[in-house]
Amino acid sequence: MKPSIKYTKKYEHQGSISKISLDQLEQFIEIKYMIFFITLYILSTVAIAVYASTKVKNTKDFILAGRSLPVYISTAALFATWFGSETILGASAEMAEKGIPGVIQEPFGAALCLFLLGVFFAKPLYRMNILTFGDFYRIRYGRIMEVISGICLVLSYFGWIAAQMVAMGIILNSVTGLEVYWGIILGSALVVFYTYLGGMWSVSLTDFVQMIMIVLGLFLTLFEVTSEKSIIEILGLSPDGFFRFTPETGFTNHMNYIAAWMVIGLGSIPQQDLFQRVMSAKSEKVAVISSLLASFLYLTVALVPLLLALYARHLLPEVMEEDSQMLILALVKGFTSPVVQVLFFGAMISAIMSTSSGAILAPSSILSENLLKYLVSKNSWGEKKLLALSRISVVVVALISLSLALGRQNIYELVEESSALSLVSLFTPLVFGLFSKRCREISAVISVFVGMIAWLVAMYLDSEIDPLIYGFGFSIIPMAMEYFFFPNRDEPTN
């Protein structure tokens, strides 16, 4: 078989023809094939999101999808909260380098977060019938705490959104050869477009499709890769201590181990994107069941990228040395069929788009509902103005996150920093506020600032024990002191 004229013409130079090999031609056709189908896949996802935008009539639709999601879509939305770049690219890179000790935070801490959400937090939060976490802090403590919590929540998301933008750039670079810089910009613009239109409805419906595709893509990839070596062989090639699930001896090691579980396991509970997904369920029973199902799915499905990372560690040592975040992508490109590649990369892009959309929508909701609407005007706001403000906030949050993404490109670090802030500032006031009525606004405000200061000081001093431990520990003191020594109101009777 000879290459056709249309391909050989590309290699004509001053009357001579440099012949293209059959392998080069097949590779060229394969790349074109992948780009076409992945583009089609992305356009289909966007079409779903545009359809979802027709359901948005007011801010409740935009922020909470009208509180009408059935259990299967609600579960998919909760599962997709973090199952994107940090799980498939970030956690797999950590697994390849450090083994199980490096991935306690993600995915195990993330699964713990969803489990705790279902058991303890979903039902009481759902019953409050509120739009944002800022609303909770206002109702429970007051306007000052609403503003402070709103600022903390908005700030905590920039790193997370930036991580998704970076991942989008990496994926587009891997598939199309587009520079990561331009991939970040292009992917971000696409996500902002459909988030701006459909809000939580867009997020929820695309999450459902994304969950199905990413599960298929991951398991088919694992199935094809196991033809190279069995899973037992790969596990046997790993060094000693690689699968240690408990910490090494020593007080510092134990504290840092606890911090790894806490950073997402507790720190992501007072996060707006998780809250929005719970509150979007059509009933409190659906909210609880969806959280528990998502926890199970997250823990089981997330093990697949970790196994793939072990394969990539041994099959692609040169990629491991150059950039471990590219391991899974290089593995898929080098050891799977074109059909699985299309499915995997299409699903991966969709996963990141869905996670990005939810991550952008969350702080935008806080910004519009709990901050800007008080600063822009003292007059009452109609639904159209509030909806417009929510959409403008989406653009503002996206632009700030984009600037961060273009400056830093370590996915795992960006995600870790985003969850740490909410843990040291907002988790303690949430727990005391939700399950007790004995603490006032002053103790909650002090808790926020004491926790953040302790955390920042520990980071500045470069403490051996994770600064999160100091921040979280100090945040408890003001509220615990008021609860036990200065109670000002009676406990609820039910």
Protein backbone atom coordinates (compact mmCIF):
# COMPACT_ATOMS: atom_id res chain seq x y z
CA MET A 1 0.00 0.00 0.00
CA LYS A 2 1.38 3.38 -1.03
CA PRO A 3 0.58 6.74 0.53
CA SER A 4 -1.79 8.83 -1.53
CA ILE A 5 -0.72 11.99 -3.39
CA LYS A 6 -2.40 14.31 -0.89
CA TYR A 7 -0.01 13.08 1.84
CA THR A 8 3.17 12.93 -0.25
CA LYS A 9 2.64 16.48 -1.49
CA LYS A 10 3.27 17.75 2.01
CA TYR A 11 6.83 16.50 1.73
CA GLU A 12 7.73 17.99 -1.65
CA HIS A 13 10.71 20.34 -1.47
CA GLN A 14 12.21 21.98 -4.60
CA GLY A 15 11.19 19.19 -6.95
CA SER A 16 12.13 16.25 -4.70
CA ILE A 17 9.75 14.12 -2.66
CA SER A 18 10.61 12.81 0.81
CA LYS A 19 8.58 9.60 1.07
CA ILE A 20 6.44 9.06 4.12
CA SER A 21 6.51 5.62 5.71
CA LEU A 22 3.43 3.52 6.21
CA ASP A 23 3.78 3.79 9.99
CA GLN A 24 3.94 7.59 9.76
CA LEU A 25 0.86 7.67 7.58
CA GLU A 26 -1.09 5.42 9.93
CA GLN A 27 -0.04 7.57 12.86
CA PHE A 28 -1.16 10.70 11.02
CA ILE A 29 -4.55 9.16 10.19
CA GLU A 30 -4.94 7.93 13.76
CA ILE A 31 -4.33 11.40 15.18
CA LYS A 32 -6.85 12.92 12.78
CA TYR A 33 -9.30 10.19 13.73
CA MET A 34 -8.88 10.90 17.43
CA ILE A 35 -9.18 14.66 17.05
CA PHE A 36 -12.37 14.29 15.00
CA PHE A 37 -14.15 11.98 17.42
CA ILE A 38 -12.99 13.79 20.54
CA THR A 39 -14.16 17.09 19.02
CA LEU A 40 -17.49 15.43 18.29
CA TYR A 41 -17.61 14.15 21.86
CA ILE A 42 -16.93 17.61 23.30
CA LEU A 43 -19.54 19.21 21.06
CA SER A 44 -22.08 16.61 22.23
CA THR A 45 -21.29 17.49 25.84
CA VAL A 46 -21.72 21.17 25.11
CA ALA A 47 -25.01 20.43 23.32
CA ILE A 48 -26.29 18.70 26.46
CA ALA A 49 -25.26 21.72 28.52
CA VAL A 50 -26.96 24.13 26.13
CA TYR A 51 -30.14 22.05 26.35
CA ALA A 52 -29.87 22.21 30.14
CA SER A 53 -29.75 26.00 29.95
CA THR A 54 -33.37 26.00 28.75
CA LYS A 55 -34.38 24.82 32.23
CA VAL A 56 -32.87 27.88 33.94
CA LYS A 57 -35.56 30.42 34.85
CA ASN A 58 -34.22 31.84 38.11
CA THR A 59 -31.28 31.70 40.53
CA LYS A 60 -32.63 28.56 42.22
CA ASP A 61 -32.48 26.77 38.85
CA PHE A 62 -29.06 28.21 38.10
CA ILE A 63 -27.49 27.39 41.49
CA LEU A 64 -29.40 24.24 42.58
CA ALA A 65 -31.01 22.84 39.40
CA GLY A 66 -34.40 23.56 40.93
CA ARG A 67 -33.78 20.99 43.72
CA SER A 68 -35.16 18.29 41.42
CA LEU A 69 -32.38 15.79 40.61
CA PRO A 70 -33.21 12.06 40.88
CA VAL A 71 -30.87 9.68 42.68
CA TYR A 72 -28.91 8.52 39.59
CA ILE A 73 -28.10 12.05 38.40
CA SER A 74 -27.45 13.26 41.94
CA THR A 75 -25.05 10.36 42.53
CA ALA A 76 -23.25 11.09 39.27
CA ALA A 77 -22.92 14.76 40.18
CA LEU A 78 -21.47 13.96 43.62
CA PHE A 79 -19.13 11.34 42.16
CA ALA A 80 -17.90 13.86 39.59
CA THR A 81 -17.21 16.54 42.22
CA TRP A 82 -13.50 15.73 42.22
CA PHE A 83 -13.18 12.79 39.83
CA GLY A 84 -11.21 14.60 37.17
CA SER A 85 -7.70 15.89 36.93
CA GLU A 86 -6.71 15.41 40.58
CA THR A 87 -7.78 11.75 40.58
CA ILE A 88 -6.67 10.58 37.15
CA LEU A 89 -3.61 12.79 36.60
CA GLY A 90 -2.61 14.16 40.02
CA ALA A 91 -3.25 11.14 42.24
CA SER A 92 -1.84 8.70 39.69
CA ALA A 93 1.39 10.71 39.55
CA GLU A 94 1.62 10.63 43.36
CA MET A 95 0.93 6.89 43.34
CA ALA A 96 3.70 6.24 40.83
CA GLU A 97 6.20 8.23 42.90
CA LYS A 98 5.22 7.45 46.50
CA GLY A 99 2.78 4.55 46.51
CA ILE A 100 -0.25 4.36 48.82
CA PRO A 101 1.23 6.82 51.38
CA GLY A 102 1.12 9.50 48.69
CA VAL A 103 -2.58 9.08 47.85
CA ILE A 104 -4.28 8.97 51.26
CA GLN A 105 -5.55 12.49 50.60
CA GLU A 106 -6.95 11.61 47.18
CA PRO A 107 -8.82 9.33 46.54
CA PHE A 108 -9.23 7.86 50.05
CA GLY A 109 -9.81 11.18 51.82
CA ALA A 110 -12.28 12.20 49.12
CA ALA A 111 -14.28 8.98 49.59
CA LEU A 112 -14.29 9.62 53.34
CA CYS A 113 -15.66 13.13 52.74
CA LEU A 114 -18.59 11.83 50.71
CA PHE A 115 -19.32 9.16 53.32
CA LEU A 116 -19.32 11.67 56.21
CA LEU A 117 -21.46 13.99 54.13
CA GLY A 118 -24.12 11.31 53.70
CA VAL A 119 -24.07 10.12 57.29
CA PHE A 120 -23.91 13.42 59.19
CA PHE A 121 -24.37 16.52 57.03
CA ALA A 122 -26.65 15.95 54.02
CA LYS A 123 -29.97 15.69 55.89
CA PRO A 124 -29.67 18.73 58.22
CA LEU A 125 -28.27 20.92 55.45
CA TYR A 126 -30.98 19.89 53.00
CA ARG A 127 -33.69 20.74 55.52
CA MET A 128 -32.46 24.32 55.74
CA ASN A 129 -33.56 24.97 52.13
CA ILE A 130 -30.80 27.50 51.36
CA LEU A 131 -28.87 28.38 48.20
CA THR A 132 -25.29 28.70 49.46
CA PHE A 133 -23.06 27.91 52.40
CA GLY A 134 -22.85 31.65 52.97
CA ASP A 135 -26.59 31.56 53.68
CA PHE A 136 -25.95 28.95 56.39
CA TYR A 137 -23.39 31.11 58.17
CA ARG A 138 -25.71 34.14 57.96
CA ILE A 139 -28.73 32.29 59.34
CA ARG A 140 -26.77 30.56 62.07
CA TYR A 141 -24.38 33.36 63.09
CA GLY A 142 -25.05 36.67 61.32
CA ARG A 143 -24.14 38.98 58.45
CA ILE A 144 -20.49 39.45 59.45
CA MET A 145 -19.87 35.72 59.46
CA GLU A 146 -21.66 35.44 56.11
CA VAL A 147 -19.25 37.89 54.51
CA ILE A 148 -16.15 36.38 56.14
CA SER A 149 -17.13 32.85 55.18
CA GLY A 150 -18.01 34.01 51.68
CA ILE A 151 -14.56 35.50 51.20
CA CYS A 152 -12.89 32.33 52.53
CA LEU A 153 -15.00 30.11 50.29
CA VAL A 154 -14.34 32.14 47.16
CA LEU A 155 -10.59 32.23 47.83
CA SER A 156 -10.47 28.48 48.48
CA TYR A 157 -11.67 27.70 44.96
CA PHE A 158 -9.17 29.50 42.78
CA GLY A 159 -6.48 26.84 43.17
CA TRP A 160 -8.95 24.06 42.50
CA ILE A 161 -10.35 25.67 39.36
CA ALA A 162 -6.83 26.42 38.17
CA ALA A 163 -5.94 22.73 38.57
CA GLN A 164 -8.79 21.75 36.25
CA MET A 165 -7.71 24.35 33.70
CA VAL A 166 -4.15 23.04 33.77
CA ALA A 167 -5.40 19.49 33.30
CA MET A 168 -7.45 20.57 30.30
CA GLY A 169 -4.36 22.12 28.75
CA ILE A 170 -2.34 18.94 29.37
CA ILE A 171 -5.01 16.73 27.79
CA LEU A 172 -5.38 18.91 24.70
CA ASN A 173 -1.61 19.02 24.35
CA SER A 174 -1.39 15.24 24.57
CA VAL A 175 -4.13 14.63 22.00
CA THR A 176 -3.65 17.45 19.51
CA GLY A 177 -0.15 18.79 20.14
CA LEU A 178 -1.59 22.20 21.04
CA GLU A 179 0.65 24.09 23.47
CA VAL A 180 -0.43 23.66 27.10
CA TYR A 181 -0.74 27.45 27.44
CA TRP A 182 -3.29 27.69 24.63
CA GLY A 183 -4.97 24.46 25.70
CA ILE A 184 -5.65 26.01 29.10
CA ILE A 185 -7.18 29.10 27.51
CA LEU A 186 -9.27 27.18 24.97
CA GLY A 187 -10.58 24.63 27.48
CA SER A 188 -11.39 27.33 30.02
CA ALA A 189 -13.34 29.37 27.48
CA LEU A 190 -15.42 26.33 26.56
CA VAL A 191 -16.26 25.53 30.19
CA VAL A 192 -17.14 29.12 31.02
CA PHE A 193 -19.45 29.24 28.01
CA TYR A 194 -21.74 26.42 29.07
CA THR A 195 -21.51 27.17 32.81
CA TYR A 196 -22.59 30.73 32.05
CA LEU A 197 -25.61 29.42 30.17
CA GLY A 198 -26.88 26.49 32.23
CA GLY A 199 -25.45 26.69 35.73
CA MET A 200 -26.14 23.64 37.90
CA TRP A 201 -28.42 22.08 35.30
CA SER A 202 -25.50 22.00 32.84
CA VAL A 203 -23.19 20.61 35.51
CA SER A 204 -25.59 17.84 36.56
CA LEU A 205 -26.55 16.49 33.13
CA THR A 206 -23.00 16.54 31.79
CA ASP A 207 -21.78 14.89 35.01
CA PHE A 208 -24.14 11.98 34.42
CA VAL A 209 -22.86 11.37 30.89
CA GLN A 210 -19.28 11.91 32.02
CA MET A 211 -19.55 9.32 34.81
CA ILE A 212 -20.66 6.60 32.41
CA MET A 213 -17.96 7.38 29.87
CA ILE A 214 -15.06 7.76 32.30
CA VAL A 215 -15.89 4.45 34.01
CA LEU A 216 -16.00 2.67 30.63
CA GLY A 217 -12.82 4.38 29.48
CA LEU A 218 -10.85 3.52 32.63
CA PHE A 219 -11.87 -0.13 32.83
CA LEU A 220 -11.32 -0.76 29.11
CA THR A 221 -7.89 0.86 29.40
CA LEU A 222 -7.03 -1.38 32.35
CA PHE A 223 -8.28 -4.43 30.44
CA GLU A 224 -6.03 -3.71 27.44
CA VAL A 225 -2.98 -2.76 29.51
CA THR A 226 -3.12 -6.00 31.50
CA SER A 227 -2.23 -7.84 28.30
CA GLU A 228 1.33 -6.50 28.72
CA LYS A 229 1.76 -7.80 32.28
CA SER A 230 -0.63 -9.23 34.84
CA ILE A 231 -1.67 -7.13 37.82
CA ILE A 232 0.08 -9.56 40.18
CA GLU A 233 3.36 -9.12 38.28
CA ILE A 234 3.10 -5.34 38.43
CA LEU A 235 2.33 -5.37 42.15
CA GLY A 236 5.35 -7.61 42.73
CA LEU A 237 7.68 -5.16 40.98
CA SER A 238 6.91 -2.34 43.44
CA PRO A 239 9.46 -1.54 46.18
CA ASP A 240 8.99 -2.36 49.87
CA GLY A 241 6.62 -0.08 51.73
CA PHE A 242 4.93 1.03 48.51
CA PHE A 243 1.54 -0.25 49.67
CA ARG A 244 1.82 0.75 53.32
CA PHE A 245 -1.62 2.01 54.39
CA THR A 246 -0.65 2.95 57.92
CA PRO A 247 1.88 5.64 58.92
CA GLU A 248 5.47 4.96 59.86
CA THR A 249 6.32 5.07 63.56
CA GLY A 250 6.79 8.44 65.21
CA PHE A 251 4.51 11.22 66.42
CA THR A 252 5.20 13.50 63.45
CA ASN A 253 4.45 10.76 60.93
CA HIS A 254 1.16 9.97 62.64
CA MET A 255 0.11 13.62 62.69
CA ASN A 256 0.93 14.08 59.01
CA TYR A 257 -0.97 10.90 58.20
CA ILE A 258 -4.04 12.29 59.99
CA ALA A 259 -3.63 15.58 58.11
CA ALA A 260 -3.64 13.71 54.79
CA TRP A 261 -7.02 12.20 55.63
CA MET A 262 -8.36 15.53 56.87
CA VAL A 263 -7.40 17.86 54.04
CA ILE A 264 -10.19 16.65 51.74
CA GLY A 265 -11.96 14.28 54.13
CA LEU A 266 -13.00 17.18 56.38
CA GLY A 267 -11.81 20.26 54.49
CA SER A 268 -14.11 19.72 51.52
CA ILE A 269 -17.29 19.31 53.59
CA PRO A 270 -17.80 23.09 53.96
CA GLN A 271 -17.36 23.60 50.21
CA GLN A 272 -20.01 25.15 48.00
CA ASP A 273 -19.71 22.74 45.06
CA LEU A 274 -20.34 19.71 47.26
CA PHE A 275 -23.15 21.58 49.02
CA GLN A 276 -24.78 22.48 45.69
CA ARG A 277 -24.81 18.89 44.55
CA VAL A 278 -26.44 17.73 47.79
CA MET A 279 -29.00 20.53 47.78
CA SER A 280 -29.88 19.85 44.13
CA ALA A 281 -31.36 16.44 45.01
CA LYS A 282 -35.13 16.20 44.88
CA SER A 283 -35.42 15.07 48.53
CA GLU A 284 -33.31 14.69 51.65
CA LYS A 285 -33.48 10.89 51.25
CA VAL A 286 -32.04 11.19 47.74
CA ALA A 287 -29.34 13.52 49.07
CA VAL A 288 -28.23 10.98 51.69
CA ILE A 289 -28.36 7.93 49.41
CA SER A 290 -26.54 9.75 46.61
CA SER A 291 -23.72 10.78 48.94
CA LEU A 292 -23.18 7.21 50.15
CA LEU A 293 -23.35 5.74 46.65
CA ALA A 294 -20.91 8.35 45.37
CA SER A 295 -18.51 7.50 48.20
CA PHE A 296 -18.56 3.82 47.22
CA LEU A 297 -18.14 4.60 43.52
CA TYR A 298 -15.34 7.04 44.20
CA LEU A 299 -13.36 4.57 46.25
CA THR A 300 -13.74 1.68 43.79
CA VAL A 301 -13.42 3.48 40.44
CA ALA A 302 -10.54 5.65 41.68
CA LEU A 303 -8.45 2.53 42.27
CA VAL A 304 -8.22 2.03 38.49
CA PRO A 305 -6.02 5.12 37.82
CA LEU A 306 -3.80 4.00 40.71
CA LEU A 307 -3.32 0.59 39.08
CA LEU A 308 -2.68 2.24 35.73
CA ALA A 309 -0.03 4.40 37.42
CA LEU A 310 1.80 1.25 38.54
CA TYR A 311 1.78 -0.05 34.97
CA ALA A 312 3.02 3.27 33.63
CA ARG A 313 5.75 3.39 36.28
CA HIS A 314 7.29 0.19 34.89
CA LEU A 315 6.38 0.45 31.21
CA LEU A 316 7.30 4.14 30.76
CA PRO A 317 10.20 4.99 33.09
CA GLU A 318 11.35 7.83 30.81
CA VAL A 319 7.98 9.60 31.18
CA MET A 320 8.15 9.02 34.93
CA GLU A 321 11.42 10.92 35.09
CA GLU A 322 10.30 13.74 32.81
CA ASP A 323 6.76 14.53 34.06
CA SER A 324 4.82 12.04 36.18
CA GLN A 325 1.55 13.91 35.51
CA MET A 326 1.76 12.64 31.90
CA LEU A 327 2.06 8.97 32.89
CA ILE A 328 -1.55 7.88 32.39
CA LEU A 329 -1.87 9.82 29.15
CA ALA A 330 1.32 8.31 27.75
CA LEU A 331 0.21 4.84 28.83
CA VAL A 332 -3.13 5.17 27.04
CA LYS A 333 -1.51 6.51 23.87
CA GLY A 334 1.16 3.83 23.80
CA PHE A 335 -0.61 0.66 24.91
CA THR A 336 -4.29 0.85 23.96
CA SER A 337 -6.30 0.63 20.74
CA PRO A 338 -7.56 3.75 18.92
CA VAL A 339 -11.13 3.04 20.02
CA VAL A 340 -10.17 2.93 23.69
CA GLN A 341 -8.03 6.04 23.24
CA VAL A 342 -10.95 7.97 21.80
CA LEU A 343 -13.20 6.79 24.62
CA PHE A 344 -10.62 7.52 27.31
CA PHE A 345 -9.49 10.95 26.12
CA GLY A 346 -13.03 12.02 25.29
CA ALA A 347 -14.25 10.94 28.70
CA MET A 348 -11.23 12.51 30.39
CA ILE A 349 -11.88 15.86 28.76
CA SER A 350 -15.55 15.61 29.65
CA ALA A 351 -14.68 14.76 33.27
CA ILE A 352 -12.43 17.78 33.59
CA MET A 353 -14.99 20.01 31.91
CA SER A 354 -17.70 18.85 34.33
CA THR A 355 -15.47 19.24 37.38
CA SER A 356 -14.33 22.65 36.16
CA SER A 357 -17.88 23.77 35.56
CA GLY A 358 -18.97 22.82 39.06
CA ALA A 359 -15.86 24.35 40.57
CA ILE A 360 -16.45 27.65 38.76
CA LEU A 361 -20.15 27.74 39.60
CA ALA A 362 -19.58 27.24 43.35
CA PRO A 363 -17.60 30.42 44.21
CA SER A 364 -19.60 32.35 41.64
CA SER A 365 -22.76 31.51 43.60
CA ILE A 366 -21.16 32.69 46.83
CA LEU A 367 -19.81 35.82 45.17
CA SER A 368 -23.19 36.83 43.78
CA GLU A 369 -25.50 35.70 46.60
CA ASN A 370 -23.44 36.52 49.68
CA LEU A 371 -21.08 39.31 48.67
CA LEU A 372 -21.77 41.34 45.53
CA LYS A 373 -25.50 41.78 45.92
CA TYR A 374 -24.88 43.67 49.16
CA LEU A 375 -22.06 45.77 47.73
CA VAL A 376 -23.56 46.71 44.38
CA SER A 377 -26.89 48.05 45.55
CA LYS A 378 -28.87 48.50 48.74
CA ASN A 379 -32.15 48.10 46.87
CA SER A 380 -33.95 44.79 46.60
CA TRP A 381 -32.95 42.62 43.69
CA GLY A 382 -35.35 40.99 41.25
CA GLU A 383 -34.80 37.48 39.87
CA LYS A 384 -33.49 38.69 36.51
CA LYS A 385 -30.86 40.90 38.13
CA LEU A 386 -29.78 38.14 40.53
CA LEU A 387 -29.48 35.66 37.65
CA ALA A 388 -27.44 38.15 35.62
CA LEU A 389 -25.20 38.78 38.64
CA SER A 390 -24.64 35.04 39.05
CA ARG A 391 -23.58 34.74 35.42
CA ILE A 392 -21.25 37.74 35.62
CA SER A 393 -19.67 36.17 38.71
CA VAL A 394 -18.91 33.03 36.68
CA VAL A 395 -16.79 35.10 34.29
CA VAL A 396 -15.00 36.96 37.10
CA VAL A 397 -14.08 33.77 38.97
CA ALA A 398 -12.93 32.07 35.76
CA LEU A 399 -10.62 34.94 34.78
CA ILE A 400 -8.93 35.02 38.19
CA SER A 401 -8.46 31.24 38.16
CA LEU A 402 -7.12 31.35 34.61
CA SER A 403 -4.37 33.75 35.64
CA LEU A 404 -3.37 31.34 38.41
CA ALA A 405 -3.45 28.33 36.05
CA LEU A 406 -1.14 30.03 33.58
CA GLY A 407 1.37 30.73 36.35
CA ARG A 408 1.43 27.36 38.14
CA GLN A 409 0.90 23.90 36.69
CA ASN A 410 1.16 21.33 39.51
CA ILE A 411 -2.33 19.85 39.77
CA TYR A 412 -1.97 18.02 43.09
CA GLU A 413 -0.56 21.04 44.94
CA LEU A 414 -3.24 23.38 43.61
CA VAL A 415 -6.00 21.03 44.81
CA GLU A 416 -4.41 20.51 48.24
CA GLU A 417 -4.16 24.26 48.87
CA SER A 418 -7.80 24.83 47.96
CA SER A 419 -9.11 22.34 50.54
CA ALA A 420 -6.70 23.41 53.30
CA LEU A 421 -8.15 26.92 53.60
CA SER A 422 -11.72 25.75 54.22
CA LEU A 423 -10.56 23.17 56.76
CA VAL A 424 -8.72 25.64 59.01
CA SER A 425 -11.36 28.36 58.72
CA LEU A 426 -14.89 27.04 58.10
CA PHE A 427 -15.21 23.42 59.17
CA THR A 428 -15.33 24.06 62.92
CA PRO A 429 -18.00 26.81 62.74
CA LEU A 430 -20.02 24.53 60.45
CA VAL A 431 -20.01 21.61 62.91
CA PHE A 432 -20.78 23.72 65.98
CA GLY A 433 -23.38 25.75 64.09
CA LEU A 434 -25.15 22.72 62.63
CA PHE A 435 -25.31 20.55 65.73
CA SER A 436 -25.46 23.10 68.54
CA LYS A 437 -27.06 26.47 69.27
CA ARG A 438 -24.79 27.46 72.14
CA CYS A 439 -22.15 29.37 70.12
CA ARG A 440 -22.43 32.98 68.97
CA GLU A 441 -21.07 34.84 65.97
CA ILE A 442 -18.10 36.27 67.87
CA SER A 443 -16.70 32.82 68.65
CA ALA A 444 -17.20 31.72 65.03
CA VAL A 445 -15.37 34.78 63.69
CA ILE A 446 -12.51 34.29 66.15
CA SER A 447 -12.34 30.61 65.16
CA VAL A 448 -11.91 31.53 61.48
CA PHE A 449 -9.09 33.99 62.09
CA VAL A 450 -7.29 31.98 64.77
CA GLY A 451 -7.32 28.88 62.57
CA MET A 452 -6.00 30.73 59.52
CA ILE A 453 -3.31 32.57 61.48
CA ALA A 454 -2.06 29.36 63.11
CA TRP A 455 -2.00 27.64 59.73
CA LEU A 456 -0.10 30.48 58.02
CA VAL A 457 2.41 30.80 60.88
CA ALA A 458 3.10 27.07 60.80
CA MET A 459 3.65 27.24 57.03
CA TYR A 460 5.97 30.22 57.43
CA LEU A 461 7.99 28.35 60.07
CA ASP A 462 8.03 25.28 57.82
CA SER A 463 6.90 23.00 60.64
CA GLU A 464 7.59 19.28 60.39
CA ILE A 465 4.01 18.54 61.37
CA ASP A 466 1.57 19.53 58.63
CA PRO A 467 0.39 23.14 59.24
CA LEU A 468 -3.20 21.91 58.84
CA ILE A 469 -2.98 20.24 62.24
CA TYR A 470 -2.14 23.56 63.90
CA GLY A 471 -4.76 25.49 61.97
CA PHE A 472 -7.53 22.99 62.62
CA GLY A 473 -6.59 22.53 66.28
CA PHE A 474 -6.53 26.26 67.03
CA SER A 475 -9.82 26.82 65.19
CA ILE A 476 -11.57 24.52 67.67
CA ILE A 477 -10.41 26.37 70.80
CA PRO A 478 -12.62 29.54 70.66
CA MET A 479 -15.83 27.63 69.89
CA ALA A 480 -15.12 24.84 72.35
CA MET A 481 -14.44 27.38 75.11
CA GLU A 482 -17.75 29.15 74.54
CA TYR A 483 -19.64 25.89 74.21
CA PHE A 484 -18.35 24.46 77.50
CA PHE A 485 -17.68 27.56 79.61
CA PHE A 486 -19.85 30.41 78.29
CA PRO A 487 -23.08 28.94 76.89
CA ASN A 488 -25.50 31.70 76.00
CA ARG A 489 -28.50 29.75 74.73
CA ASP A 490 -30.25 26.45 75.25
CA GLU A 491 -29.61 23.33 73.21
CA PRO A 492 -32.21 22.45 70.59
CA THR A 493 -34.84 20.03 71.82
CA ASN A 494 -34.71 17.86 68.68
